[in-house]
Amino acid sequence: VNILSVNFMGWYRQAPGKQRELVARIIPLTNYADS
């Protein structure tokens, strides 16, 4: 899909035995997890 039409886009990761966490997003804003 045209990513300019989405409300959110980002990257998550899930380490073994841990919850999924947001590491970076680009839509609507760009920001990163402190780690």
PDB file of all heavy atoms in Angstrom:
ATOM      1  N   VAL A   1       0.851  -1.180   0.000  1.00  0.00           N
ATOM      2  CA  VAL A   1       0.000   0.000   0.000  1.00  0.00           C
ATOM      3  C   VAL A   1       0.890   1.233   0.000  1.00  0.00           C
ATOM      4  O   VAL A   1       2.054   1.159   0.414  1.00  0.00           O
ATOM      5  CB  VAL A   1      -0.921  -0.012   1.241  1.00  0.00           C
ATOM      6  CG1 VAL A   1      -0.122   0.177   2.519  1.00  0.00           C
ATOM      7  CG2 VAL A   1      -2.021   1.030   1.140  1.00  0.00           C
ATOM      8  N   ASN A   2       0.348   2.345  -0.475  1.00  0.00           N
ATOM      9  CA  ASN A   2       1.069   3.605  -0.412  1.00  0.00           C
ATOM     10  C   ASN A   2       1.247   3.969   1.065  1.00  0.00           C
ATOM     11  O   ASN A   2       0.267   4.235   1.767  1.00  0.00           O
ATOM     12  CB  ASN A   2       0.288   4.707  -1.130  1.00  0.00           C
ATOM     13  CG  ASN A   2       1.051   6.020  -1.158  1.00  0.00           C
ATOM     14  OD1 ASN A   2       2.016   6.218  -0.425  1.00  0.00           O
ATOM     15  ND2 ASN A   2       0.615   6.917  -2.010  1.00  0.00           N
ATOM     16  N   ILE A   3       2.485   3.971   1.516  1.00  0.00           N
ATOM     17  CA  ILE A   3       2.690   4.151   2.957  1.00  0.00           C
ATOM     18  C   ILE A   3       2.373   5.570   3.413  1.00  0.00           C
ATOM     19  O   ILE A   3       2.243   5.814   4.610  1.00  0.00           O
ATOM     20  CB  ILE A   3       4.119   3.737   3.386  1.00  0.00           C
ATOM     21  CG1 ILE A   3       5.175   4.594   2.710  1.00  0.00           C
ATOM     22  CG2 ILE A   3       4.340   2.261   3.130  1.00  0.00           C
ATOM     23  CD1 ILE A   3       6.584   4.306   3.214  1.00  0.00           C
ATOM     24  N   LEU A   4       2.198   6.484   2.487  1.00  0.00           N
ATOM     25  CA  LEU A   4       1.777   7.825   2.880  1.00  0.00           C
ATOM     26  C   LEU A   4       0.309   7.836   3.312  1.00  0.00           C
ATOM     27  O   LEU A   4      -0.161   8.815   3.894  1.00  0.00           O
ATOM     28  CB  LEU A   4       1.986   8.804   1.727  1.00  0.00           C
ATOM     29  CG  LEU A   4       3.439   9.014   1.315  1.00  0.00           C
ATOM     30  CD1 LEU A   4       3.529  10.018   0.169  1.00  0.00           C
ATOM     31  CD2 LEU A   4       4.283   9.481   2.490  1.00  0.00           C
ATOM     32  N   SER A   5      -0.402   6.733   3.051  1.00  0.00           N
ATOM     33  CA  SER A   5      -1.817   6.654   3.428  1.00  0.00           C
ATOM     34  C   SER A   5      -2.024   5.967   4.780  1.00  0.00           C
ATOM     35  O   SER A   5      -3.158   5.874   5.251  1.00  0.00           O
ATOM     36  CB  SER A   5      -2.599   5.895   2.358  1.00  0.00           C
ATOM     37  OG  SER A   5      -2.247   4.519   2.358  1.00  0.00           O
ATOM     38  N   VAL A   6      -0.953   5.475   5.394  1.00  0.00           N
ATOM     39  CA  VAL A   6      -1.125   4.752   6.662  1.00  0.00           C
ATOM     40  C   VAL A   6      -1.018   5.722   7.827  1.00  0.00           C
ATOM     41  O   VAL A   6      -0.466   6.817   7.710  1.00  0.00           O
ATOM     42  CB  VAL A   6      -0.099   3.608   6.799  1.00  0.00           C
ATOM     43  CG1 VAL A   6      -0.176   2.681   5.591  1.00  0.00           C
ATOM     44  CG2 VAL A   6       1.312   4.125   7.003  1.00  0.00           C
ATOM     45  N   ASN A   7      -1.557   5.274   8.958  1.00  0.00           N
ATOM     46  CA  ASN A   7      -1.552   6.110  10.153  1.00  0.00           C
ATOM     47  C   ASN A   7      -0.299   5.904  11.008  1.00  0.00           C
ATOM     48  O   ASN A   7       0.065   6.747  11.822  1.00  0.00           O
ATOM     49  CB  ASN A   7      -2.778   5.795  11.008  1.00  0.00           C
ATOM     50  CG  ASN A   7      -4.059   5.936  10.223  1.00  0.00           C
ATOM     51  OD1 ASN A   7      -4.731   4.952   9.927  1.00  0.00           O
ATOM     52  ND2 ASN A   7      -4.410   7.165   9.854  1.00  0.00           N
ATOM     53  N   PHE A   8       0.311   4.739  10.837  1.00  0.00           N
ATOM     54  CA  PHE A   8       1.478   4.396  11.643  1.00  0.00           C
ATOM     55  C   PHE A   8       2.317   3.402  10.865  1.00  0.00           C
ATOM     56  O   PHE A   8       1.773   2.528  10.172  1.00  0.00           O
ATOM     57  CB  PHE A   8       1.053   3.760  12.976  1.00  0.00           C
ATOM     58  CG  PHE A   8       2.205   3.274  13.820  1.00  0.00           C
ATOM     59  CD1 PHE A   8       2.781   4.089  14.775  1.00  0.00           C
ATOM     60  CD2 PHE A   8       2.734   1.990  13.641  1.00  0.00           C
ATOM     61  CE1 PHE A   8       3.853   3.664  15.539  1.00  0.00           C
ATOM     62  CE2 PHE A   8       3.805   1.549  14.397  1.00  0.00           C
ATOM     63  CZ  PHE A   8       4.360   2.386  15.349  1.00  0.00           C
ATOM     64  N   MET A   9       3.646   3.530  10.971  1.00  0.00           N
ATOM     65  CA  MET A   9       4.545   2.524  10.428  1.00  0.00           C
ATOM     66  C   MET A   9       5.803   2.500  11.278  1.00  0.00           C
ATOM     67  O   MET A   9       6.390   3.561  11.543  1.00  0.00           O
ATOM     68  CB  MET A   9       4.896   2.797   8.976  1.00  0.00           C
ATOM     69  CG  MET A   9       5.657   1.655   8.326  1.00  0.00           C
ATOM     70  SD  MET A   9       5.678   1.832   6.528  1.00  0.00           S
ATOM     71  CE  MET A   9       6.340   0.230   6.031  1.00  0.00           C
ATOM     72  N   GLY A  10       6.173   1.315  11.697  1.00  0.00           N
ATOM     73  CA  GLY A  10       7.342   1.210  12.549  1.00  0.00           C
ATOM     74  C   GLY A  10       7.885  -0.199  12.599  1.00  0.00           C
ATOM     75  O   GLY A  10       7.349  -1.120  11.958  1.00  0.00           O
ATOM     76  N   TRP A  11       8.966  -0.352  13.358  1.00  0.00           N
ATOM     77  CA  TRP A  11       9.626  -1.630  13.550  1.00  0.00           C
ATOM     78  C   TRP A  11       9.559  -2.011  15.021  1.00  0.00           C
ATOM     79  O   TRP A  11       9.877  -1.199  15.906  1.00  0.00           O
ATOM     80  CB  TRP A  11      11.093  -1.546  13.139  1.00  0.00           C
ATOM     81  CG  TRP A  11      11.335  -1.513  11.668  1.00  0.00           C
ATOM     82  CD1 TRP A  11      11.486  -0.415  10.889  1.00  0.00           C
ATOM     83  CD2 TRP A  11      11.475  -2.641  10.807  1.00  0.00           C
ATOM     84  NE1 TRP A  11      11.708  -0.789   9.585  1.00  0.00           N
ATOM     85  CE2 TRP A  11      11.708  -2.154   9.509  1.00  0.00           C
ATOM     86  CE3 TRP A  11      11.429  -4.030  11.004  1.00  0.00           C
ATOM     87  CZ2 TRP A  11      11.893  -2.993   8.407  1.00  0.00           C
ATOM     88  CZ3 TRP A  11      11.626  -4.855   9.912  1.00  0.00           C
ATOM     89  CH2 TRP A  11      11.849  -4.338   8.637  1.00  0.00           C
ATOM     90  N   TYR A  12       9.172  -3.243  15.263  1.00  0.00           N
ATOM     91  CA  TYR A  12       9.185  -3.828  16.593  1.00  0.00           C
ATOM     92  C   TYR A  12      10.195  -4.981  16.608  1.00  0.00           C
ATOM     93  O   TYR A  12      10.575  -5.498  15.565  1.00  0.00           O
ATOM     94  CB  TYR A  12       7.806  -4.404  16.947  1.00  0.00           C
ATOM     95  CG  TYR A  12       6.740  -3.402  17.254  1.00  0.00           C
ATOM     96  CD1 TYR A  12       6.132  -2.642  16.255  1.00  0.00           C
ATOM     97  CD2 TYR A  12       6.292  -3.224  18.563  1.00  0.00           C
ATOM     98  CE1 TYR A  12       5.130  -1.731  16.557  1.00  0.00           C
ATOM     99  CE2 TYR A  12       5.289  -2.325  18.876  1.00  0.00           C
ATOM    100  CZ  TYR A  12       4.716  -1.592  17.853  1.00  0.00           C
ATOM    101  OH  TYR A  12       3.711  -0.695  18.156  1.00  0.00           O
ATOM    102  N   ARG A  13      10.564  -5.367  17.807  1.00  0.00           N
ATOM    103  CA  ARG A  13      11.351  -6.592  17.927  1.00  0.00           C
ATOM    104  C   ARG A  13      10.869  -7.370  19.155  1.00  0.00           C
ATOM    105  O   ARG A  13      10.338  -6.799  20.109  1.00  0.00           O
ATOM    106  CB  ARG A  13      12.850  -6.307  18.051  1.00  0.00           C
ATOM    107  CG  ARG A  13      13.286  -5.703  19.378  1.00  0.00           C
ATOM    108  CD  ARG A  13      14.774  -5.426  19.373  1.00  0.00           C
ATOM    109  NE  ARG A  13      15.197  -4.745  20.595  1.00  0.00           N
ATOM    110  CZ  ARG A  13      16.342  -4.099  20.714  1.00  0.00           C
ATOM    111  NH1 ARG A  13      17.200  -4.046  19.679  1.00  0.00           N
ATOM    112  NH2 ARG A  13      16.655  -3.518  21.846  1.00  0.00           N
ATOM    113  N   GLN A  14      11.100  -8.674  19.074  1.00  0.00           N
ATOM    114  CA  GLN A  14      10.742  -9.549  20.192  1.00  0.00           C
ATOM    115  C   GLN A  14      11.919 -10.462  20.483  1.00  0.00           C
ATOM    116  O   GLN A  14      12.279 -11.305  19.651  1.00  0.00           O
ATOM    117  CB  GLN A  14       9.495 -10.362  19.878  1.00  0.00           C
ATOM    118  CG  GLN A  14       8.977 -11.144  21.075  1.00  0.00           C
ATOM    119  CD  GLN A  14       7.546 -11.598  20.886  1.00  0.00           C
ATOM    120  OE1 GLN A  14       7.029 -11.645  19.768  1.00  0.00           O
ATOM    121  NE2 GLN A  14       6.885 -11.923  21.978  1.00  0.00           N
ATOM    122  N   ALA A  15      12.519 -10.253  21.647  1.00  0.00           N
ATOM    123  CA  ALA A  15      13.619 -11.106  22.084  1.00  0.00           C
ATOM    124  C   ALA A  15      13.045 -12.352  22.735  1.00  0.00           C
ATOM    125  O   ALA A  15      11.900 -12.341  23.217  1.00  0.00           O
ATOM    126  CB  ALA A  15      14.503 -10.351  23.062  1.00  0.00           C
ATOM    127  N   PRO A  16      13.815 -13.417  22.777  1.00  0.00           N
ATOM    128  CA  PRO A  16      13.317 -14.662  23.392  1.00  0.00           C
ATOM    129  C   PRO A  16      12.861 -14.422  24.825  1.00  0.00           C
ATOM    130  O   PRO A  16      13.586 -13.843  25.635  1.00  0.00           O
ATOM    131  CB  PRO A  16      14.542 -15.575  23.339  1.00  0.00           C
ATOM    132  CG  PRO A  16      15.347 -15.071  22.202  1.00  0.00           C
ATOM    133  CD  PRO A  16      15.148 -13.587  22.203  1.00  0.00           C
ATOM    134  N   GLY A  17      11.634 -14.843  25.122  1.00  0.00           N
ATOM    135  CA  GLY A  17      11.113 -14.726  26.472  1.00  0.00           C
ATOM    136  C   GLY A  17      10.679 -13.338  26.877  1.00  0.00           C
ATOM    137  O   GLY A  17      10.326 -13.099  28.035  1.00  0.00           O
ATOM    138  N   LYS A  18      10.680 -12.404  25.929  1.00  0.00           N
ATOM    139  CA  LYS A  18      10.305 -11.026  26.255  1.00  0.00           C
ATOM    140  C   LYS A  18       9.140 -10.576  25.401  1.00  0.00           C
ATOM    141  O   LYS A  18       8.806 -11.184  24.385  1.00  0.00           O
ATOM    142  CB  LYS A  18      11.502 -10.090  26.054  1.00  0.00           C
ATOM    143  CG  LYS A  18      12.649 -10.356  27.021  1.00  0.00           C
ATOM    144  CD  LYS A  18      13.693  -9.275  26.906  1.00  0.00           C
ATOM    145  CE  LYS A  18      14.809  -9.492  27.929  1.00  0.00           C
ATOM    146  NZ  LYS A  18      15.842  -8.418  27.838  1.00  0.00           N
ATOM    147  N   GLN A  19       8.527  -9.473  25.837  1.00  0.00           N
ATOM    148  CA  GLN A  19       7.420  -8.916  25.066  1.00  0.00           C
ATOM    149  C   GLN A  19       7.941  -8.169  23.843  1.00  0.00           C
ATOM    150  O   GLN A  19       9.090  -7.696  23.818  1.00  0.00           O
ATOM    151  CB  GLN A  19       6.618  -7.951  25.955  1.00  0.00           C
ATOM    152  CG  GLN A  19       5.795  -8.633  27.026  1.00  0.00           C
ATOM    153  CD  GLN A  19       4.849  -7.671  27.719  1.00  0.00           C
ATOM    154  OE1 GLN A  19       5.150  -6.488  27.847  1.00  0.00           O
ATOM    155  NE2 GLN A  19       3.713  -8.162  28.164  1.00  0.00           N
ATOM    156  N   ARG A  20       7.083  -8.058  22.858  1.00  0.00           N
ATOM    157  CA  ARG A  20       7.420  -7.299  21.668  1.00  0.00           C
ATOM    158  C   ARG A  20       7.528  -5.826  22.041  1.00  0.00           C
ATOM    159  O   ARG A  20       6.686  -5.298  22.768  1.00  0.00           O
ATOM    160  CB  ARG A  20       6.348  -7.513  20.608  1.00  0.00           C
ATOM    161  CG  ARG A  20       6.741  -7.134  19.209  1.00  0.00           C
ATOM    162  CD  ARG A  20       5.695  -7.576  18.204  1.00  0.00           C
ATOM    163  NE  ARG A  20       5.607  -9.034  18.122  1.00  0.00           N
ATOM    164  CZ  ARG A  20       4.877  -9.661  17.183  1.00  0.00           C
ATOM    165  NH1 ARG A  20       4.209  -8.963  16.292  1.00  0.00           N
ATOM    166  NH2 ARG A  20       4.830 -10.981  17.175  1.00  0.00           N
ATOM    167  N   GLU A  21       8.573  -5.153  21.539  1.00  0.00           N
ATOM    168  CA  GLU A  21       8.773  -3.752  21.860  1.00  0.00           C
ATOM    169  C   GLU A  21       8.997  -2.941  20.589  1.00  0.00           C
ATOM    170  O   GLU A  21       9.586  -3.423  19.615  1.00  0.00           O
ATOM    171  CB  GLU A  21       9.989  -3.582  22.793  1.00  0.00           C
ATOM    172  CG  GLU A  21      11.302  -4.053  22.217  1.00  0.00           C
ATOM    173  CD  GLU A  21      12.510  -3.679  23.052  1.00  0.00           C
ATOM    174  OE1 GLU A  21      12.390  -2.819  23.941  1.00  0.00           O
ATOM    175  OE2 GLU A  21      13.588  -4.256  22.801  1.00  0.00           O
ATOM    176  N   LEU A  22       8.557  -1.690  20.641  1.00  0.00           N
ATOM    177  CA  LEU A  22       8.756  -0.780  19.522  1.00  0.00           C
ATOM    178  C   LEU A  22      10.189  -0.258  19.572  1.00  0.00           C
ATOM    179  O   LEU A  22      10.611   0.270  20.603  1.00  0.00           O
ATOM    180  CB  LEU A  22       7.768   0.380  19.609  1.00  0.00           C
ATOM    181  CG  LEU A  22       7.872   1.459  18.534  1.00  0.00           C
ATOM    182  CD1 LEU A  22       7.542   0.894  17.157  1.00  0.00           C
ATOM    183  CD2 LEU A  22       6.929   2.627  18.865  1.00  0.00           C
ATOM    184  N   VAL A  23      10.914  -0.404  18.471  1.00  0.00           N
ATOM    185  CA  VAL A  23      12.281   0.110  18.439  1.00  0.00           C
ATOM    186  C   VAL A  23      12.405   1.377  17.604  1.00  0.00           C
ATOM    187  O   VAL A  23      13.262   2.218  17.901  1.00  0.00           O
ATOM    188  CB  VAL A  23      13.301  -0.948  17.950  1.00  0.00           C
ATOM    189  CG1 VAL A  23      13.382  -2.104  18.916  1.00  0.00           C
ATOM    190  CG2 VAL A  23      12.973  -1.447  16.565  1.00  0.00           C
ATOM    191  N   ALA A  24      11.580   1.526  16.599  1.00  0.00           N
ATOM    192  CA  ALA A  24      11.667   2.730  15.767  1.00  0.00           C
ATOM    193  C   ALA A  24      10.366   2.886  14.994  1.00  0.00           C
ATOM    194  O   ALA A  24       9.746   1.897  14.620  1.00  0.00           O
ATOM    195  CB  ALA A  24      12.832   2.638  14.788  1.00  0.00           C
ATOM    196  N   ARG A  25       9.980   4.123  14.787  1.00  0.00           N
ATOM    197  CA  ARG A  25       8.833   4.381  13.923  1.00  0.00           C
ATOM    198  C   ARG A  25       9.195   5.516  12.978  1.00  0.00           C
ATOM    199  O   ARG A  25      10.075   6.338  13.267  1.00  0.00           O
ATOM    200  CB  ARG A  25       7.588   4.717  14.724  1.00  0.00           C
ATOM    201  CG  ARG A  25       7.661   6.037  15.472  1.00  0.00           C
ATOM    202  CD  ARG A  25       6.326   6.377  16.099  1.00  0.00           C
ATOM    203  NE  ARG A  25       6.398   7.639  16.817  1.00  0.00           N
ATOM    204  CZ  ARG A  25       5.359   8.236  17.401  1.00  0.00           C
ATOM    205  NH1 ARG A  25       4.168   7.679  17.346  1.00  0.00           N
ATOM    206  NH2 ARG A  25       5.510   9.369  18.032  1.00  0.00           N
ATOM    207  N   ILE A  26       8.493   5.566  11.852  1.00  0.00           N
ATOM    208  CA  ILE A  26       8.741   6.616  10.872  1.00  0.00           C
ATOM    209  C   ILE A  26       7.478   7.383  10.524  1.00  0.00           C
ATOM    210  O   ILE A  26       7.544   8.503  10.032  1.00  0.00           O
ATOM    211  CB  ILE A  26       9.411   6.018   9.602  1.00  0.00           C
ATOM    212  CG1 ILE A  26       9.921   7.122   8.686  1.00  0.00           C
ATOM    213  CG2 ILE A  26       8.450   5.075   8.878  1.00  0.00           C
ATOM    214  CD1 ILE A  26      10.856   6.641   7.606  1.00  0.00           C
ATOM    215  N   ILE A  27       6.332   6.799  10.745  1.00  0.00           N
ATOM    216  CA  ILE A  27       5.050   7.450  10.528  1.00  0.00           C
ATOM    217  C   ILE A  27       4.252   7.311  11.811  1.00  0.00           C
ATOM    218  O   ILE A  27       4.112   6.191  12.329  1.00  0.00           O
ATOM    219  CB  ILE A  27       4.290   6.813   9.334  1.00  0.00           C
ATOM    220  CG1 ILE A  27       5.084   6.996   8.036  1.00  0.00           C
ATOM    221  CG2 ILE A  27       2.893   7.435   9.209  1.00  0.00           C
ATOM    222  CD1 ILE A  27       4.516   6.225   6.867  1.00  0.00           C
ATOM    223  N   PRO A  28       3.666   8.372  12.357  1.00  0.00           N
ATOM    224  CA  PRO A  28       3.620   9.719  11.811  1.00  0.00           C
ATOM    225  C   PRO A  28       4.877  10.549  12.056  1.00  0.00           C
ATOM    226  O   PRO A  28       5.092  11.574  11.392  1.00  0.00           O
ATOM    227  CB  PRO A  28       2.430  10.338  12.545  1.00  0.00           C
ATOM    228  CG  PRO A  28       2.407   9.628  13.857  1.00  0.00           C
ATOM    229  CD  PRO A  28       2.849   8.225  13.573  1.00  0.00           C
ATOM    230  N   LEU A  29       5.685  10.136  13.028  1.00  0.00           N
ATOM    231  CA  LEU A  29       6.919  10.846  13.326  1.00  0.00           C
ATOM    232  C   LEU A  29       8.051   9.832  13.402  1.00  0.00           C
ATOM    233  O   LEU A  29       7.821   8.649  13.638  1.00  0.00           O
ATOM    234  CB  LEU A  29       6.820  11.589  14.662  1.00  0.00           C
ATOM    235  CG  LEU A  29       5.743  12.667  14.785  1.00  0.00           C
ATOM    236  CD1 LEU A  29       5.661  13.144  16.242  1.00  0.00           C
ATOM    237  CD2 LEU A  29       6.032  13.828  13.862  1.00  0.00           C
ATOM    238  N   THR A  30       9.266  10.331  13.272  1.00  0.00           N
ATOM    239  CA  THR A  30      10.415   9.454  13.431  1.00  0.00           C
ATOM    240  C   THR A  30      10.930   9.557  14.856  1.00  0.00           C
ATOM    241  O   THR A  30      11.248  10.645  15.332  1.00  0.00           O
ATOM    242  CB  THR A  30      11.533   9.848  12.458  1.00  0.00           C
ATOM    243  OG1 THR A  30      11.038   9.735  11.117  1.00  0.00           O
ATOM    244  CG2 THR A  30      12.740   8.934  12.627  1.00  0.00           C
ATOM    245  N   ASN A  31      10.975   8.425  15.513  1.00  0.00           N
ATOM    246  CA  ASN A  31      11.642   8.378  16.808  1.00  0.00           C
ATOM    247  C   ASN A  31      12.063   6.950  17.118  1.00  0.00           C
ATOM    248  O   ASN A  31      11.699   6.016  16.400  1.00  0.00           O
ATOM    249  CB  ASN A  31      10.818   9.001  17.943  1.00  0.00           C
ATOM    250  CG  ASN A  31       9.451   8.412  18.078  1.00  0.00           C
ATOM    251  OD1 ASN A  31       9.196   7.288  17.651  1.00  0.00           O
ATOM    252  ND2 ASN A  31       8.552   9.163  18.689  1.00  0.00           N
ATOM    253  N   TYR A  32      12.851   6.811  18.184  1.00  0.00           N
ATOM    254  CA  TYR A  32      13.524   5.552  18.488  1.00  0.00           C
ATOM    255  C   TYR A  32      13.431   5.236  19.969  1.00  0.00           C
ATOM    256  O   TYR A  32      13.351   6.125  20.816  1.00  0.00           O
ATOM    257  CB  TYR A  32      15.013   5.651  18.116  1.00  0.00           C
ATOM    258  CG  TYR A  32      15.269   6.002  16.672  1.00  0.00           C
ATOM    259  CD1 TYR A  32      15.384   7.333  16.262  1.00  0.00           C
ATOM    260  CD2 TYR A  32      15.376   5.011  15.706  1.00  0.00           C
ATOM    261  CE1 TYR A  32      15.593   7.661  14.932  1.00  0.00           C
ATOM    262  CE2 TYR A  32      15.597   5.329  14.379  1.00  0.00           C
ATOM    263  CZ  TYR A  32      15.707   6.653  13.999  1.00  0.00           C
ATOM    264  OH  TYR A  32      15.920   6.969  12.679  1.00  0.00           O
ATOM    265  N   ALA A  33      13.490   3.946  20.250  1.00  0.00           N
ATOM    266  CA  ALA A  33      13.629   3.527  21.641  1.00  0.00           C
ATOM    267  C   ALA A  33      14.996   3.974  22.147  1.00  0.00           C
ATOM    268  O   ALA A  33      15.962   4.039  21.376  1.00  0.00           O
ATOM    269  CB  ALA A  33      13.497   2.015  21.749  1.00  0.00           C
ATOM    270  N   ASP A  34      15.077   4.270  23.419  1.00  0.00           N
ATOM    271  CA  ASP A  34      16.345   4.721  23.993  1.00  0.00           C
ATOM    272  C   ASP A  34      17.460   3.701  23.765  1.00  0.00           C
ATOM    273  O   ASP A  34      18.617   4.073  23.568  1.00  0.00           O
ATOM    274  CB  ASP A  34      16.182   4.977  25.496  1.00  0.00           C
ATOM    275  CG  ASP A  34      15.367   6.224  25.784  1.00  0.00           C
ATOM    276  OD1 ASP A  34      15.205   7.068  24.865  1.00  0.00           O
ATOM    277  OD2 ASP A  34      14.878   6.362  26.911  1.00  0.00           O
ATOM    278  N   SER A  35      17.114   2.421  23.771  1.00  0.00           N
ATOM    279  CA  SER A  35      18.119   1.368  23.662  1.00  0.00           C
ATOM    280  C   SER A  35      18.788   1.312  22.288  1.00  0.00           C
ATOM    281  O   SER A  35      19.856   0.710  22.138  1.00  0.00           O
ATOM    282  CB  SER A  35      17.490   0.006  23.982  1.00  0.00           C
ATOM    283  OG  SER A  35      16.424  -0.263  23.081  1.00  0.00           O
TER     284      SER A  35
END
